[in-house]
Amino acid sequence: MNRRTVLEAMLATGATALLGACGRRPSDGKLTESPAAMPQGNVHAPSSPLMPVTFLAHGSPLLLDDKRWVAELHAWGGALPRPKAILVLSAHWVQSPIRIGATTPVPLYYDFYGFPQRYFEVKYPSPGAPDLAQRVKELLGKGMSTTDSSRGLDHGAYIPLIAMYPEADIPVLQISIPTMDPGALVALGKALAPLRREGVLIMGSGFLTHNMHAIDWDGTAGVPAWASEFDAWNKDAILRRDVDALVKYREIAPGVETALPTQEHYVPVLVALGASLGETEAATFPIEGFTYGSFTKRSVQFG
């Protein structure tokens, strides 16, 4: 089966609803810099060292108040090779066919509600990445993606980026996750993998466990067994790069039904896994531990 056939099959089974986006896009959002003053991303021909590929736990807007977590993300960003551009697939944009987000500066997408106003005033004026958008279209194939030029970065993208790259001086592009089908998402990662040799950091953003009904805001109840078991299973499967097991996670992973009432926060790790295949790279976990009781902060780096 060729790449186009794989991607067509992927889109045929893709989700069509935007999951996890609960709230609003402000009509009066303003950037802290004018578009004319901001550089545009420029992805060069394949000549760069192989960039790592990452999956990170992104947290809520409250993450920015967690000094330890911010420090962990910042240290991780500093340890990575500096990317020419960043491609983000966030749990908070699930839409088929694949949508390619804004390539010029637009307001952020504040996809949450009920938080204090200051969280709706956060800015991340990263440069646009039009060259990367064009390259993504080429890799996916003709007719396999569409453009949403008004769609800014959601909190699954800009919250961790504020911690990792606070200068906001690296071009960023976000694309949608088109399906919940695990095999198709591994195939999507494979299709995007050439970007790694072009200086692009591919970043999946979600949570390996995500049960909002089990949230423990104070974290005083301890980590429930189902969360620790599911986290440990993923750690082992990822270290072994067991693609078959990870693709079948819904069928065989312990505690999966409780850990993941819905799948959108988990599946970005499958895209990251796919983008790592074909390389002999070890997986590492730059950030581990739990937050809000059952939410694992486990983040993954391939390469």
Protein backbone atom coordinates (compact mmCIF):
# COMPACT_ATOMS: atom_id res chain seq x y z
CA MET A 1 0.00 0.00 0.00
CA ASN A 2 1.54 3.32 -1.03
CA ARG A 3 1.65 6.45 1.08
CA ARG A 4 -1.31 8.10 -0.61
CA THR A 5 -3.48 5.01 -0.20
CA VAL A 6 -2.56 4.81 3.48
CA LEU A 7 -3.42 8.46 4.05
CA GLU A 8 -6.67 8.20 2.07
CA ALA A 9 -7.67 5.25 4.22
CA MET A 10 -6.71 7.24 7.29
CA LEU A 11 -8.91 10.16 6.34
CA ALA A 12 -11.79 7.88 5.43
CA THR A 13 -11.94 6.72 9.06
CA GLY A 14 -11.06 10.10 10.53
CA ALA A 15 -12.92 11.97 13.22
CA THR A 16 -14.80 15.02 12.02
CA ALA A 17 -15.50 16.75 15.33
CA LEU A 18 -13.17 19.12 17.07
CA LEU A 19 -12.56 17.36 20.39
CA GLY A 20 -11.36 18.99 23.54
CA ALA A 21 -11.96 22.54 22.33
CA CYS A 22 -14.42 23.76 24.91
CA GLY A 23 -14.59 27.44 24.54
CA ARG A 24 -13.94 30.52 22.61
CA ARG A 25 -11.75 32.29 20.13
CA PRO A 26 -11.57 35.94 21.21
CA SER A 27 -12.38 38.44 18.51
CA ASP A 28 -10.31 41.14 20.13
CA GLY A 29 -7.07 39.21 20.68
CA LYS A 30 -3.94 41.24 19.96
CA LEU A 31 -0.40 40.18 19.39
CA THR A 32 2.41 41.89 21.22
CA GLU A 33 4.27 42.42 17.94
CA SER A 34 2.96 43.48 14.56
CA PRO A 35 3.06 40.84 11.79
CA ALA A 36 5.40 43.03 9.73
CA ALA A 37 8.01 42.96 12.47
CA MET A 38 8.04 39.19 12.80
CA PRO A 39 10.28 36.89 10.75
CA GLN A 40 8.73 34.13 8.68
CA GLY A 41 9.79 30.50 8.97
CA ASN A 42 12.03 29.12 6.28
CA VAL A 43 12.62 25.37 6.15
CA HIS A 44 15.71 24.54 4.14
CA ALA A 45 16.60 21.54 2.01
CA PRO A 46 17.45 18.31 3.86
CA SER A 47 20.89 19.07 5.24
CA SER A 48 20.33 19.29 9.00
CA PRO A 49 21.23 16.70 11.63
CA LEU A 50 18.33 14.43 12.54
CA MET A 51 16.02 16.31 14.91
CA PRO A 52 14.46 14.43 17.81
CA VAL A 53 10.72 13.86 17.79
CA THR A 54 8.74 14.48 20.96
CA PHE A 55 5.51 13.80 22.79
CA LEU A 56 4.76 15.98 25.81
CA ALA A 57 2.12 16.24 28.47
CA HIS A 58 0.79 19.75 28.11
CA GLY A 59 -1.42 20.35 31.12
CA SER A 60 -4.07 23.05 31.38
CA PRO A 61 -3.42 26.82 31.38
CA LEU A 62 -2.62 26.33 35.07
CA LEU A 63 0.64 24.65 34.05
CA LEU A 64 2.21 28.10 33.77
CA ASP A 65 1.73 28.53 37.54
CA ASP A 66 3.56 25.27 38.27
CA LYS A 67 7.16 26.43 38.67
CA ARG A 68 8.59 22.92 38.76
CA TRP A 69 6.79 21.82 35.60
CA VAL A 70 7.72 25.01 33.77
CA ALA A 71 11.35 24.49 34.80
CA GLU A 72 11.26 20.88 33.55
CA LEU A 73 9.89 21.93 30.18
CA HIS A 74 12.32 24.82 29.92
CA ALA A 75 15.28 22.54 30.65
CA TRP A 76 14.03 20.10 28.03
CA GLY A 77 13.75 22.83 25.42
CA GLY A 78 17.27 24.00 26.23
CA ALA A 79 18.67 20.49 25.87
CA LEU A 80 17.12 19.89 22.44
CA PRO A 81 18.91 20.98 19.26
CA ARG A 82 17.51 24.33 18.24
CA PRO A 83 14.84 23.69 15.59
CA LYS A 84 14.36 25.77 12.46
CA ALA A 85 10.61 25.31 12.95
CA ILE A 86 8.18 23.37 15.14
CA LEU A 87 5.25 21.27 13.92
CA VAL A 88 2.64 20.63 16.63
CA LEU A 89 -0.18 18.08 16.72
CA SER A 90 -2.30 18.81 19.77
CA ALA A 91 -5.07 16.81 21.39
CA HIS A 92 -7.22 19.91 21.13
CA TRP A 93 -7.51 19.96 17.37
CA VAL A 94 -9.10 16.83 15.96
CA GLN A 95 -10.53 17.42 12.51
CA SER A 96 -10.64 15.59 9.20
CA PRO A 97 -9.34 16.00 6.59
CA ILE A 98 -6.06 17.29 8.00
CA ARG A 99 -6.24 21.02 8.60
CA ILE A 100 -3.13 23.17 8.41
CA GLY A 101 -3.33 26.13 10.77
CA ALA A 102 -2.43 29.76 10.30
CA THR A 103 0.91 30.56 8.70
CA THR A 104 0.76 34.24 9.58
CA PRO A 105 0.36 35.66 13.10
CA VAL A 106 -3.24 35.43 14.33
CA PRO A 107 -4.67 35.47 17.87
CA LEU A 108 -4.23 32.35 19.96
CA TYR A 109 -7.15 29.96 20.24
CA TYR A 110 -8.23 30.04 23.90
CA ASP A 111 -9.92 26.66 23.87
CA PHE A 112 -11.13 26.56 27.47
CA TYR A 113 -13.59 28.32 29.75
CA GLY A 114 -14.10 29.12 33.41
CA PHE A 115 -10.54 30.30 34.02
CA PRO A 116 -9.58 33.76 35.32
CA GLN A 117 -9.28 36.45 32.68
CA ARG A 118 -5.49 36.53 32.87
CA TYR A 119 -5.33 33.15 31.14
CA PHE A 120 -7.16 34.65 28.17
CA GLU A 121 -4.56 37.41 27.96
CA VAL A 122 -1.54 35.12 27.51
CA LYS A 123 0.32 35.75 24.24
CA TYR A 124 2.75 33.69 22.24
CA PRO A 125 3.68 35.70 19.12
CA SER A 126 5.76 33.06 17.36
CA PRO A 127 6.63 33.62 13.68
CA GLY A 128 4.51 31.95 11.05
CA ALA A 129 5.84 28.97 9.10
CA PRO A 130 4.51 29.17 5.53
CA ASP A 131 7.38 27.15 4.06
CA LEU A 132 6.76 24.37 6.56
CA ALA A 133 3.05 24.40 5.70
CA GLN A 134 3.89 23.95 2.04
CA ARG A 135 6.29 21.12 2.84
CA VAL A 136 3.64 19.35 4.96
CA LYS A 137 1.24 19.55 2.03
CA GLU A 138 3.87 18.00 -0.22
CA LEU A 139 4.54 15.15 2.19
CA LEU A 140 0.86 14.38 2.69
CA GLY A 141 0.11 14.45 -1.02
CA LYS A 142 -2.26 16.41 -3.21
CA GLY A 143 -5.74 16.79 -1.83
CA MET A 144 -4.91 15.26 1.55
CA SER A 145 -5.09 18.48 3.57
CA THR A 146 -6.85 21.82 3.69
CA THR A 147 -5.88 25.17 5.20
CA ASP A 148 -7.54 27.09 8.03
CA SER A 149 -5.76 30.44 7.89
CA SER A 150 -7.65 31.82 10.90
CA ARG A 151 -6.87 29.00 13.32
CA GLY A 152 -4.31 30.05 15.90
CA LEU A 153 -2.35 27.85 18.29
CA ASP A 154 -4.47 26.20 20.99
CA HIS A 155 -3.37 25.73 24.58
CA GLY A 156 -2.02 22.26 23.84
CA ALA A 157 0.54 24.03 21.66
CA TYR A 158 1.25 27.42 23.17
CA ILE A 159 1.25 26.51 26.87
CA PRO A 160 4.22 24.10 26.65
CA LEU A 161 5.94 26.31 24.07
CA ILE A 162 5.83 29.27 26.46
CA ALA A 163 7.73 27.13 28.95
CA MET A 164 10.15 25.55 26.46
CA TYR A 165 10.83 28.48 24.15
CA PRO A 166 9.65 31.62 25.98
CA GLU A 167 11.31 33.96 23.47
CA ALA A 168 8.69 32.89 20.88
CA ASP A 169 11.29 33.29 18.15
CA ILE A 170 10.94 29.89 16.44
CA PRO A 171 8.35 29.50 13.64
CA VAL A 172 5.46 27.27 14.73
CA LEU A 173 2.82 25.46 12.67
CA GLN A 174 -0.08 23.45 14.04
CA ILE A 175 -1.99 20.81 12.10
CA SER A 176 -5.04 18.82 13.12
CA ILE A 177 -5.19 15.19 14.13
CA PRO A 178 -7.46 13.62 11.50
CA THR A 179 -8.49 10.34 13.12
CA MET A 180 -8.42 8.23 16.26
CA ASP A 181 -7.26 5.15 14.33
CA PRO A 182 -3.89 4.13 15.85
CA GLY A 183 -2.40 2.52 12.75
CA ALA A 184 -3.34 5.47 10.59
CA LEU A 185 -1.67 7.88 13.02
CA VAL A 186 1.54 5.87 13.00
CA ALA A 187 1.38 6.10 9.19
CA LEU A 188 0.89 9.87 9.46
CA GLY A 189 4.02 10.10 11.61
CA LYS A 190 5.95 8.12 9.01
CA ALA A 191 4.76 10.49 6.29
CA LEU A 192 5.98 13.51 8.28
CA ALA A 193 9.29 11.94 9.30
CA PRO A 194 11.39 13.55 6.50
CA LEU A 195 10.89 16.89 8.27
CA ARG A 196 13.28 15.69 10.96
CA ARG A 197 16.18 15.96 8.51
CA GLU A 198 15.07 19.46 7.58
CA GLY A 199 15.48 20.98 11.03
CA VAL A 200 11.84 20.59 12.12
CA LEU A 201 10.87 19.49 15.62
CA ILE A 202 7.76 17.31 15.38
CA MET A 203 5.86 17.64 18.66
CA GLY A 204 2.84 15.65 19.75
CA SER A 205 1.01 17.22 22.68
CA GLY A 206 -1.48 15.43 24.92
CA PHE A 207 -1.61 13.24 28.04
CA LEU A 208 -1.05 9.50 28.30
CA THR A 209 -3.77 9.42 30.97
CA HIS A 210 -6.69 11.82 30.79
CA ASN A 211 -9.77 11.19 32.91
CA MET A 212 -11.32 14.47 33.97
CA HIS A 213 -13.77 12.64 36.26
CA ALA A 214 -10.83 11.33 38.29
CA ILE A 215 -9.03 14.65 38.72
CA ASP A 216 -7.63 15.34 42.18
CA TRP A 217 -6.88 19.06 42.25
CA ASP A 218 -4.90 18.85 45.47
CA GLY A 219 -3.11 15.64 44.57
CA THR A 220 -3.56 14.40 48.14
CA ALA A 221 -5.28 11.10 47.37
CA GLY A 222 -2.25 9.53 45.72
CA VAL A 223 -1.90 7.96 42.29
CA PRO A 224 -4.64 5.38 41.63
CA ALA A 225 -3.52 1.89 40.62
CA TRP A 226 -5.12 2.06 37.17
CA ALA A 227 -3.13 5.21 36.34
CA SER A 228 0.21 3.88 37.54
CA GLU A 229 -0.33 0.55 35.77
CA PHE A 230 -1.28 2.18 32.49
CA ASP A 231 1.67 4.57 32.73
CA ALA A 232 4.08 1.72 33.46
CA TRP A 233 2.71 -0.30 30.53
CA ASN A 234 3.30 2.62 28.19
CA LYS A 235 6.80 3.19 29.50
CA ASP A 236 7.71 -0.42 28.80
CA ALA A 237 6.09 -0.54 25.35
CA ILE A 238 7.69 2.75 24.30
CA LEU A 239 11.13 1.70 25.51
CA ARG A 240 10.80 -1.51 23.48
CA ARG A 241 9.31 0.49 20.58
CA ASP A 242 6.62 -2.16 20.42
CA VAL A 243 4.52 -0.73 17.61
CA ASP A 244 2.08 -3.64 17.57
CA ALA A 245 1.33 -3.28 21.27
CA LEU A 246 0.97 0.50 21.14
CA VAL A 247 -1.35 0.30 18.14
CA LYS A 248 -3.50 -2.17 20.11
CA TYR A 249 -3.37 -0.16 23.37
CA ARG A 250 -7.16 0.04 23.64
CA GLU A 251 -7.39 -3.75 23.60
CA ILE A 252 -4.46 -4.83 25.76
CA ALA A 253 -3.22 -2.03 28.02
CA PRO A 254 -4.16 -2.38 31.71
CA GLY A 255 -6.52 0.25 33.04
CA VAL A 256 -7.07 1.81 29.62
CA GLU A 257 -10.84 2.25 29.93
CA THR A 258 -10.44 4.32 33.08
CA ALA A 259 -7.26 6.07 31.99
CA LEU A 260 -8.77 7.20 28.69
CA PRO A 261 -12.55 7.68 28.50
CA THR A 262 -11.72 9.40 25.18
CA GLN A 263 -8.65 8.94 23.03
CA GLU A 264 -7.65 12.36 21.69
CA HIS A 265 -5.08 13.11 24.41
CA TYR A 266 -3.27 9.81 23.95
CA VAL A 267 -2.99 9.51 20.18
CA PRO A 268 -0.38 12.26 19.57
CA VAL A 269 2.20 9.82 20.98
CA LEU A 270 1.40 7.48 18.07
CA VAL A 271 2.25 10.19 15.54
CA ALA A 272 5.53 10.78 17.36
CA LEU A 273 6.21 7.05 17.37
CA GLY A 274 5.57 6.84 13.63
CA ALA A 275 7.94 9.71 12.93
CA SER A 276 10.66 7.85 14.85
CA LEU A 277 10.42 4.59 12.93
CA GLY A 278 13.16 3.76 10.48
CA GLU A 279 15.77 5.17 12.85
CA THR A 280 17.66 3.23 15.50
CA GLU A 281 16.91 5.60 18.34
CA ALA A 282 16.37 5.01 22.02
CA ALA A 283 13.34 6.50 23.71
CA THR A 284 13.89 8.64 26.79
CA PHE A 285 11.51 10.32 29.23
CA PRO A 286 12.63 13.89 29.97
CA ILE A 287 9.67 14.45 32.32
CA GLU A 288 7.93 11.87 34.53
CA GLY A 289 5.66 11.84 37.55
CA PHE A 290 1.98 12.60 38.09
CA THR A 291 -0.13 15.70 38.52
CA TYR A 292 -3.73 16.11 39.70
CA GLY A 293 -3.55 12.57 41.07
CA SER A 294 -4.00 10.43 37.98
CA PHE A 295 -2.52 12.51 35.13
CA THR A 296 0.89 11.21 34.13
CA LYS A 297 3.36 13.88 33.08
CA ARG A 298 5.37 11.27 31.18
CA SER A 299 6.86 12.90 28.11
CA VAL A 300 8.80 11.10 25.42
CA GLN A 301 11.79 11.93 23.25
CA PHE A 302 12.89 9.75 20.36
CA GLY A 303 16.45 10.59 19.33
